[in-house]
Amino acid sequence: MTRPTERQDGITLADTRSPAGPPAVYRRGMTVIRLRPLRADERELLQTATLGNVNWCGERFTRHDVVARPEFSHYTHIDPARGDFGIVAESDDATVGVCWAQFLPADEPGFGFVAETTPEVSAWVSPAARGRGVGRRLMESLIVTARESGLERLSLSVEDGNVARRLYESLGFSPVAGREDEGVMLLRL
């Protein structure tokens, strides 16, 4: 057990740490955030997250679109047998964010697809929890998991104007040459 430490950004790291990387529990003010693995049966959570992601700049799509349209629906489930994995952030028994990585096939690529051997990352934080470090903790935990799994790269896509781009850049993601207009970014692990 380690002692909590106060960081410059006001987050207190709680006494539970994952074996490597970011803590599994952290505190922001009086709020405790717990990180746990994403389960394959959490489709509704991934539908909500995907809906939030595609509507980041205003309502453009419906939940029906997310479920019915192939370009969105493949983000609404993970397949651990193919290597997919994710992290969920919870506070007071409510989910406040999720980050997941999927090995999508070339014949069903995502917006940030670069190769079948490179998982594509999606991340979502509930509007009420944004700006509090939840997204950073989720991404850091996912990156640690990817490294520990022996992965070499992670990809994602982020639309122009989305403030999440700053987070991704700060974590080491960089634009993929020739696909800058699509917002495709890559992190070499």
C-alpha atoms as a PDB file:
ATOM      1  CA  MET A   1       0.000   0.000   0.000  1.00  0.00           C
ATOM      2  CA  THR A   2       1.306   3.458  -0.889  1.00  0.00           C
ATOM      3  CA  ARG A   3       0.395   6.744   0.684  1.00  0.00           C
ATOM      4  CA  PRO A   4      -1.741   9.192  -1.277  1.00  0.00           C
ATOM      5  CA  THR A   5       0.232  12.014  -2.859  1.00  0.00           C
ATOM      6  CA  GLU A   6      -1.070  15.388  -3.988  1.00  0.00           C
ATOM      7  CA  ARG A   7      -0.078  16.352  -7.517  1.00  0.00           C
ATOM      8  CA  GLN A   8       0.151  19.807  -9.049  1.00  0.00           C
ATOM      9  CA  ASP A   9      -3.112  19.311 -10.956  1.00  0.00           C
ATOM     10  CA  GLY A  10      -5.031  18.748  -7.700  1.00  0.00           C
ATOM     11  CA  ILE A  11      -5.492  15.008  -8.153  1.00  0.00           C
ATOM     12  CA  THR A  12      -4.707  12.897  -5.097  1.00  0.00           C
ATOM     13  CA  LEU A  13      -3.475   9.455  -5.992  1.00  0.00           C
ATOM     14  CA  ALA A  14      -5.238   6.961  -3.761  1.00  0.00           C
ATOM     15  CA  ASP A  15      -3.670   3.962  -2.079  1.00  0.00           C
ATOM     16  CA  THR A  16      -4.436   1.397  -4.780  1.00  0.00           C
ATOM     17  CA  ARG A  17      -2.086   1.135  -7.738  1.00  0.00           C
ATOM     18  CA  SER A  18      -2.086  -1.118 -10.727  1.00  0.00           C
ATOM     19  CA  PRO A  19       1.091  -3.250 -11.025  1.00  0.00           C
ATOM     20  CA  ALA A  20       2.503  -0.800 -13.567  1.00  0.00           C
ATOM     21  CA  GLY A  21       1.462   2.614 -14.707  1.00  0.00           C
ATOM     22  CA  PRO A  22      -1.325   4.847 -13.488  1.00  0.00           C
ATOM     23  CA  PRO A  23      -3.200   4.167 -10.271  1.00  0.00           C
ATOM     24  CA  ALA A  24      -6.330   2.049 -10.415  1.00  0.00           C
ATOM     25  CA  VAL A  25      -8.000   4.527  -8.046  1.00  0.00           C
ATOM     26  CA  TYR A  26      -7.422   8.248  -7.838  1.00  0.00           C
ATOM     27  CA  ARG A  27      -9.081  11.174  -6.161  1.00  0.00           C
ATOM     28  CA  ARG A  28      -9.940  14.576  -7.603  1.00  0.00           C
ATOM     29  CA  GLY A  29     -10.967  16.793  -4.724  1.00  0.00           C
ATOM     30  CA  MET A  30     -13.540  14.737  -2.847  1.00  0.00           C
ATOM     31  CA  THR A  31     -14.370  12.563  -5.866  1.00  0.00           C
ATOM     32  CA  VAL A  32     -12.853   9.082  -6.074  1.00  0.00           C
ATOM     33  CA  ILE A  33     -12.404   7.667  -9.567  1.00  0.00           C
ATOM     34  CA  ARG A  34     -11.896   3.921  -9.979  1.00  0.00           C
ATOM     35  CA  LEU A  35     -10.517   2.315 -13.122  1.00  0.00           C
ATOM     36  CA  ARG A  36     -11.463  -1.236 -14.054  1.00  0.00           C
ATOM     37  CA  PRO A  37     -11.325  -3.432 -17.170  1.00  0.00           C
ATOM     38  CA  LEU A  38     -14.103  -3.080 -19.736  1.00  0.00           C
ATOM     39  CA  ARG A  39     -16.246  -6.215 -20.007  1.00  0.00           C
ATOM     40  CA  ALA A  40     -17.393  -7.629 -23.346  1.00  0.00           C
ATOM     41  CA  ASP A  41     -21.033  -7.486 -22.202  1.00  0.00           C
ATOM     42  CA  GLU A  42     -21.033  -3.678 -21.769  1.00  0.00           C
ATOM     43  CA  ARG A  43     -22.534  -2.911 -25.176  1.00  0.00           C
ATOM     44  CA  GLU A  44     -24.922  -0.268 -23.868  1.00  0.00           C
ATOM     45  CA  LEU A  45     -21.998   1.654 -22.380  1.00  0.00           C
ATOM     46  CA  LEU A  46     -20.159   1.494 -25.709  1.00  0.00           C
ATOM     47  CA  GLN A  47     -23.303   2.621 -27.542  1.00  0.00           C
ATOM     48  CA  THR A  48     -23.583   5.625 -25.220  1.00  0.00           C
ATOM     49  CA  ALA A  49     -19.884   6.381 -25.609  1.00  0.00           C
ATOM     50  CA  THR A  50     -19.962   6.053 -29.392  1.00  0.00           C
ATOM     51  CA  LEU A  51     -23.043   8.266 -29.589  1.00  0.00           C
ATOM     52  CA  GLY A  52     -21.229  10.866 -27.498  1.00  0.00           C
ATOM     53  CA  ASN A  53     -18.148  10.606 -29.684  1.00  0.00           C
ATOM     54  CA  VAL A  54     -19.955  11.074 -32.990  1.00  0.00           C
ATOM     55  CA  ASN A  55     -21.976  13.940 -31.505  1.00  0.00           C
ATOM     56  CA  TRP A  56     -19.013  15.708 -29.870  1.00  0.00           C
ATOM     57  CA  CYS A  57     -19.850  18.987 -31.643  1.00  0.00           C
ATOM     58  CA  GLY A  58     -23.662  18.782 -31.472  1.00  0.00           C
ATOM     59  CA  GLU A  59     -26.415  16.316 -32.214  1.00  0.00           C
ATOM     60  CA  ARG A  60     -25.768  14.825 -35.651  1.00  0.00           C
ATOM     61  CA  PHE A  61     -26.673  11.177 -35.128  1.00  0.00           C
ATOM     62  CA  THR A  62     -29.116   9.119 -33.061  1.00  0.00           C
ATOM     63  CA  ARG A  63     -28.639   5.985 -30.977  1.00  0.00           C
ATOM     64  CA  HIS A  64     -30.378   4.129 -33.820  1.00  0.00           C
ATOM     65  CA  ASP A  65     -27.678   5.406 -36.214  1.00  0.00           C
ATOM     66  CA  VAL A  66     -24.942   4.176 -33.857  1.00  0.00           C
ATOM     67  CA  VAL A  67     -26.486   0.701 -33.670  1.00  0.00           C
ATOM     68  CA  ALA A  68     -27.608   0.360 -37.301  1.00  0.00           C
ATOM     69  CA  ARG A  69     -24.876   2.031 -39.337  1.00  0.00           C
ATOM     70  CA  PRO A  70     -21.813  -0.210 -39.883  1.00  0.00           C
ATOM     71  CA  GLU A  71     -19.333   2.683 -39.703  1.00  0.00           C
ATOM     72  CA  PHE A  72     -20.478   3.266 -36.107  1.00  0.00           C
ATOM     73  CA  SER A  73     -21.802  -0.103 -34.909  1.00  0.00           C
ATOM     74  CA  HIS A  74     -18.435  -1.859 -34.847  1.00  0.00           C
ATOM     75  CA  TYR A  75     -17.406   0.544 -32.059  1.00  0.00           C
ATOM     76  CA  THR A  76     -20.250  -0.684 -29.835  1.00  0.00           C
ATOM     77  CA  HIS A  77     -18.742  -4.033 -28.865  1.00  0.00           C
ATOM     78  CA  ILE A  78     -15.373  -5.471 -28.039  1.00  0.00           C
ATOM     79  CA  ASP A  79     -14.180  -8.957 -28.856  1.00  0.00           C
ATOM     80  CA  PRO A  80     -11.569 -10.150 -26.351  1.00  0.00           C
ATOM     81  CA  ALA A  81     -10.891 -13.217 -28.555  1.00  0.00           C
ATOM     82  CA  ARG A  82      -9.546 -10.888 -31.231  1.00  0.00           C
ATOM     83  CA  GLY A  83      -7.505  -8.974 -28.625  1.00  0.00           C
ATOM     84  CA  ASP A  84      -9.826  -6.026 -27.956  1.00  0.00           C
ATOM     85  CA  PHE A  85      -9.567  -4.463 -24.498  1.00  0.00           C
ATOM     86  CA  GLY A  86     -10.648  -1.378 -22.591  1.00  0.00           C
ATOM     87  CA  ILE A  87     -10.763   0.557 -19.321  1.00  0.00           C
ATOM     88  CA  VAL A  88     -13.815   1.998 -17.543  1.00  0.00           C
ATOM     89  CA  ALA A  89     -13.748   4.954 -15.115  1.00  0.00           C
ATOM     90  CA  GLU A  90     -16.370   4.961 -12.361  1.00  0.00           C
ATOM     91  CA  SER A  91     -17.270   7.398  -9.604  1.00  0.00           C
ATOM     92  CA  ASP A  92     -19.941   6.743  -6.974  1.00  0.00           C
ATOM     93  CA  ASP A  93     -21.042   3.612  -8.887  1.00  0.00           C
ATOM     94  CA  ALA A  94     -21.671   5.633 -12.059  1.00  0.00           C
ATOM     95  CA  THR A  95     -19.615   5.305 -15.208  1.00  0.00           C
ATOM     96  CA  VAL A  96     -17.882   8.580 -16.035  1.00  0.00           C
ATOM     97  CA  GLY A  97     -15.721   7.425 -18.942  1.00  0.00           C
ATOM     98  CA  VAL A  98     -14.447   4.568 -21.048  1.00  0.00           C
ATOM     99  CA  CYS A  99     -11.517   3.991 -23.360  1.00  0.00           C
ATOM    100  CA  TRP A 100     -11.205   0.928 -25.596  1.00  0.00           C
ATOM    101  CA  ALA A 101      -8.969  -0.525 -28.300  1.00  0.00           C
ATOM    102  CA  GLN A 102     -10.198  -2.737 -31.136  1.00  0.00           C
ATOM    103  CA  PHE A 103      -8.455  -4.820 -33.754  1.00  0.00           C
ATOM    104  CA  LEU A 104     -10.845  -4.051 -36.597  1.00  0.00           C
ATOM    105  CA  PRO A 105     -10.495  -6.012 -39.839  1.00  0.00           C
ATOM    106  CA  ALA A 106      -9.424  -4.355 -43.090  1.00  0.00           C
ATOM    107  CA  ASP A 107     -12.817  -5.118 -44.646  1.00  0.00           C
ATOM    108  CA  GLU A 108     -14.570  -3.293 -41.759  1.00  0.00           C
ATOM    109  CA  PRO A 109     -12.143  -0.490 -40.884  1.00  0.00           C
ATOM    110  CA  GLY A 110     -12.787   2.249 -38.383  1.00  0.00           C
ATOM    111  CA  PHE A 111     -12.173   5.938 -38.999  1.00  0.00           C
ATOM    112  CA  GLY A 112      -8.688   5.634 -37.474  1.00  0.00           C
ATOM    113  CA  PHE A 113      -7.761   2.311 -39.073  1.00  0.00           C
ATOM    114  CA  VAL A 114      -4.125   1.936 -40.137  1.00  0.00           C
ATOM    115  CA  ALA A 115      -3.578  -1.857 -40.057  1.00  0.00           C
ATOM    116  CA  GLU A 116      -5.199  -5.016 -38.718  1.00  0.00           C
ATOM    117  CA  THR A 117      -2.283  -5.396 -36.289  1.00  0.00           C
ATOM    118  CA  THR A 118      -2.785  -1.898 -34.841  1.00  0.00           C
ATOM    119  CA  PRO A 119      -5.755  -1.501 -32.534  1.00  0.00           C
ATOM    120  CA  GLU A 120      -7.879   1.600 -32.967  1.00  0.00           C
ATOM    121  CA  VAL A 121      -8.592   3.528 -29.775  1.00  0.00           C
ATOM    122  CA  SER A 122     -11.864   5.203 -28.837  1.00  0.00           C
ATOM    123  CA  ALA A 123     -12.312   7.300 -25.704  1.00  0.00           C
ATOM    124  CA  TRP A 124     -15.294   9.014 -24.123  1.00  0.00           C
ATOM    125  CA  VAL A 125     -15.831  10.937 -20.899  1.00  0.00           C
ATOM    126  CA  SER A 126     -19.279  11.963 -19.694  1.00  0.00           C
ATOM    127  CA  PRO A 127     -19.884  15.705 -20.085  1.00  0.00           C
ATOM    128  CA  ALA A 128     -20.100  16.214 -16.301  1.00  0.00           C
ATOM    129  CA  ALA A 129     -16.661  14.619 -15.765  1.00  0.00           C
ATOM    130  CA  ARG A 130     -14.741  16.411 -18.537  1.00  0.00           C
ATOM    131  CA  GLY A 131     -11.795  18.613 -17.717  1.00  0.00           C
ATOM    132  CA  ARG A 132     -10.984  16.656 -14.553  1.00  0.00           C
ATOM    133  CA  GLY A 133      -8.259  14.309 -15.768  1.00  0.00           C
ATOM    134  CA  VAL A 134     -10.525  11.312 -16.350  1.00  0.00           C
ATOM    135  CA  GLY A 135      -9.708  11.060 -20.060  1.00  0.00           C
ATOM    136  CA  ARG A 136      -5.976  11.311 -19.388  1.00  0.00           C
ATOM    137  CA  ARG A 137      -6.129   8.564 -16.749  1.00  0.00           C
ATOM    138  CA  LEU A 138      -8.126   6.316 -19.056  1.00  0.00           C
ATOM    139  CA  MET A 139      -5.733   6.845 -21.958  1.00  0.00           C
ATOM    140  CA  GLU A 140      -2.635   6.379 -19.787  1.00  0.00           C
ATOM    141  CA  SER A 141      -4.017   3.127 -18.409  1.00  0.00           C
ATOM    142  CA  LEU A 142      -4.910   1.885 -21.894  1.00  0.00           C
ATOM    143  CA  ILE A 143      -1.423   2.750 -23.171  1.00  0.00           C
ATOM    144  CA  VAL A 144       0.206   0.870 -20.278  1.00  0.00           C
ATOM    145  CA  THR A 145      -1.991  -2.153 -20.999  1.00  0.00           C
ATOM    146  CA  ALA A 146      -1.054  -2.018 -24.686  1.00  0.00           C
ATOM    147  CA  ARG A 147       2.673  -1.835 -23.876  1.00  0.00           C
ATOM    148  CA  GLU A 148       2.428  -4.696 -21.388  1.00  0.00           C
ATOM    149  CA  SER A 149       0.649  -6.729 -24.087  1.00  0.00           C
ATOM    150  CA  GLY A 150       3.563  -6.218 -26.467  1.00  0.00           C
ATOM    151  CA  LEU A 151       1.704  -4.000 -28.928  1.00  0.00           C
ATOM    152  CA  GLU A 152       3.815  -1.703 -31.074  1.00  0.00           C
ATOM    153  CA  ARG A 153       1.277   0.992 -32.000  1.00  0.00           C
ATOM    154  CA  LEU A 154      -2.152   2.443 -31.287  1.00  0.00           C
ATOM    155  CA  SER A 155      -4.208   4.503 -33.725  1.00  0.00           C
ATOM    156  CA  LEU A 156      -7.234   6.773 -33.442  1.00  0.00           C
ATOM    157  CA  SER A 157      -9.074   9.452 -35.326  1.00  0.00           C
ATOM    158  CA  VAL A 158     -10.172  12.826 -34.040  1.00  0.00           C
ATOM    159  CA  GLU A 159     -12.149  15.370 -36.012  1.00  0.00           C
ATOM    160  CA  ASP A 160     -10.763  18.819 -36.661  1.00  0.00           C
ATOM    161  CA  GLY A 161     -11.736  21.179 -33.861  1.00  0.00           C
ATOM    162  CA  ASN A 162     -12.180  18.498 -31.200  1.00  0.00           C
ATOM    163  CA  VAL A 163     -10.317  19.578 -28.041  1.00  0.00           C
ATOM    164  CA  ALA A 164      -9.425  15.930 -27.332  1.00  0.00           C
ATOM    165  CA  ARG A 165      -6.691  16.305 -29.957  1.00  0.00           C
ATOM    166  CA  ARG A 166      -4.587  18.208 -27.401  1.00  0.00           C
ATOM    167  CA  LEU A 167      -4.815  15.273 -24.988  1.00  0.00           C
ATOM    168  CA  TYR A 168      -3.803  12.785 -27.674  1.00  0.00           C
ATOM    169  CA  GLU A 169      -0.865  14.936 -28.776  1.00  0.00           C
ATOM    170  CA  SER A 170       0.292  15.335 -25.160  1.00  0.00           C
ATOM    171  CA  LEU A 171       0.322  11.538 -24.850  1.00  0.00           C
ATOM    172  CA  GLY A 172       2.550  11.192 -27.924  1.00  0.00           C
ATOM    173  CA  PHE A 173       0.041  10.567 -30.717  1.00  0.00           C
ATOM    174  CA  SER A 174       1.023  12.231 -33.983  1.00  0.00           C
ATOM    175  CA  PRO A 175      -0.777  12.690 -37.311  1.00  0.00           C
ATOM    176  CA  VAL A 176      -0.392   9.934 -39.906  1.00  0.00           C
ATOM    177  CA  ALA A 177       1.255  11.348 -43.027  1.00  0.00           C
ATOM    178  CA  GLY A 178      -1.228  11.668 -45.852  1.00  0.00           C
ATOM    179  CA  ARG A 179      -4.229  11.235 -43.542  1.00  0.00           C
ATOM    180  CA  GLU A 180      -4.051  14.496 -41.608  1.00  0.00           C
ATOM    181  CA  ASP A 181      -7.354  15.682 -43.106  1.00  0.00           C
ATOM    182  CA  GLU A 182      -9.034  12.537 -41.734  1.00  0.00           C
ATOM    183  CA  GLY A 183      -7.652  13.204 -38.242  1.00  0.00           C
ATOM    184  CA  VAL A 184      -5.873   9.836 -38.079  1.00  0.00           C
ATOM    185  CA  MET A 185      -3.184   9.744 -35.388  1.00  0.00           C
ATOM    186  CA  LEU A 186      -0.687   7.096 -34.326  1.00  0.00           C
ATOM    187  CA  LEU A 187       1.221   6.366 -31.129  1.00  0.00           C
ATOM    188  CA  ARG A 188       4.345   4.251 -31.376  1.00  0.00           C
ATOM    189  CA  LEU A 189       4.783   2.240 -28.213  1.00  0.00           C
END
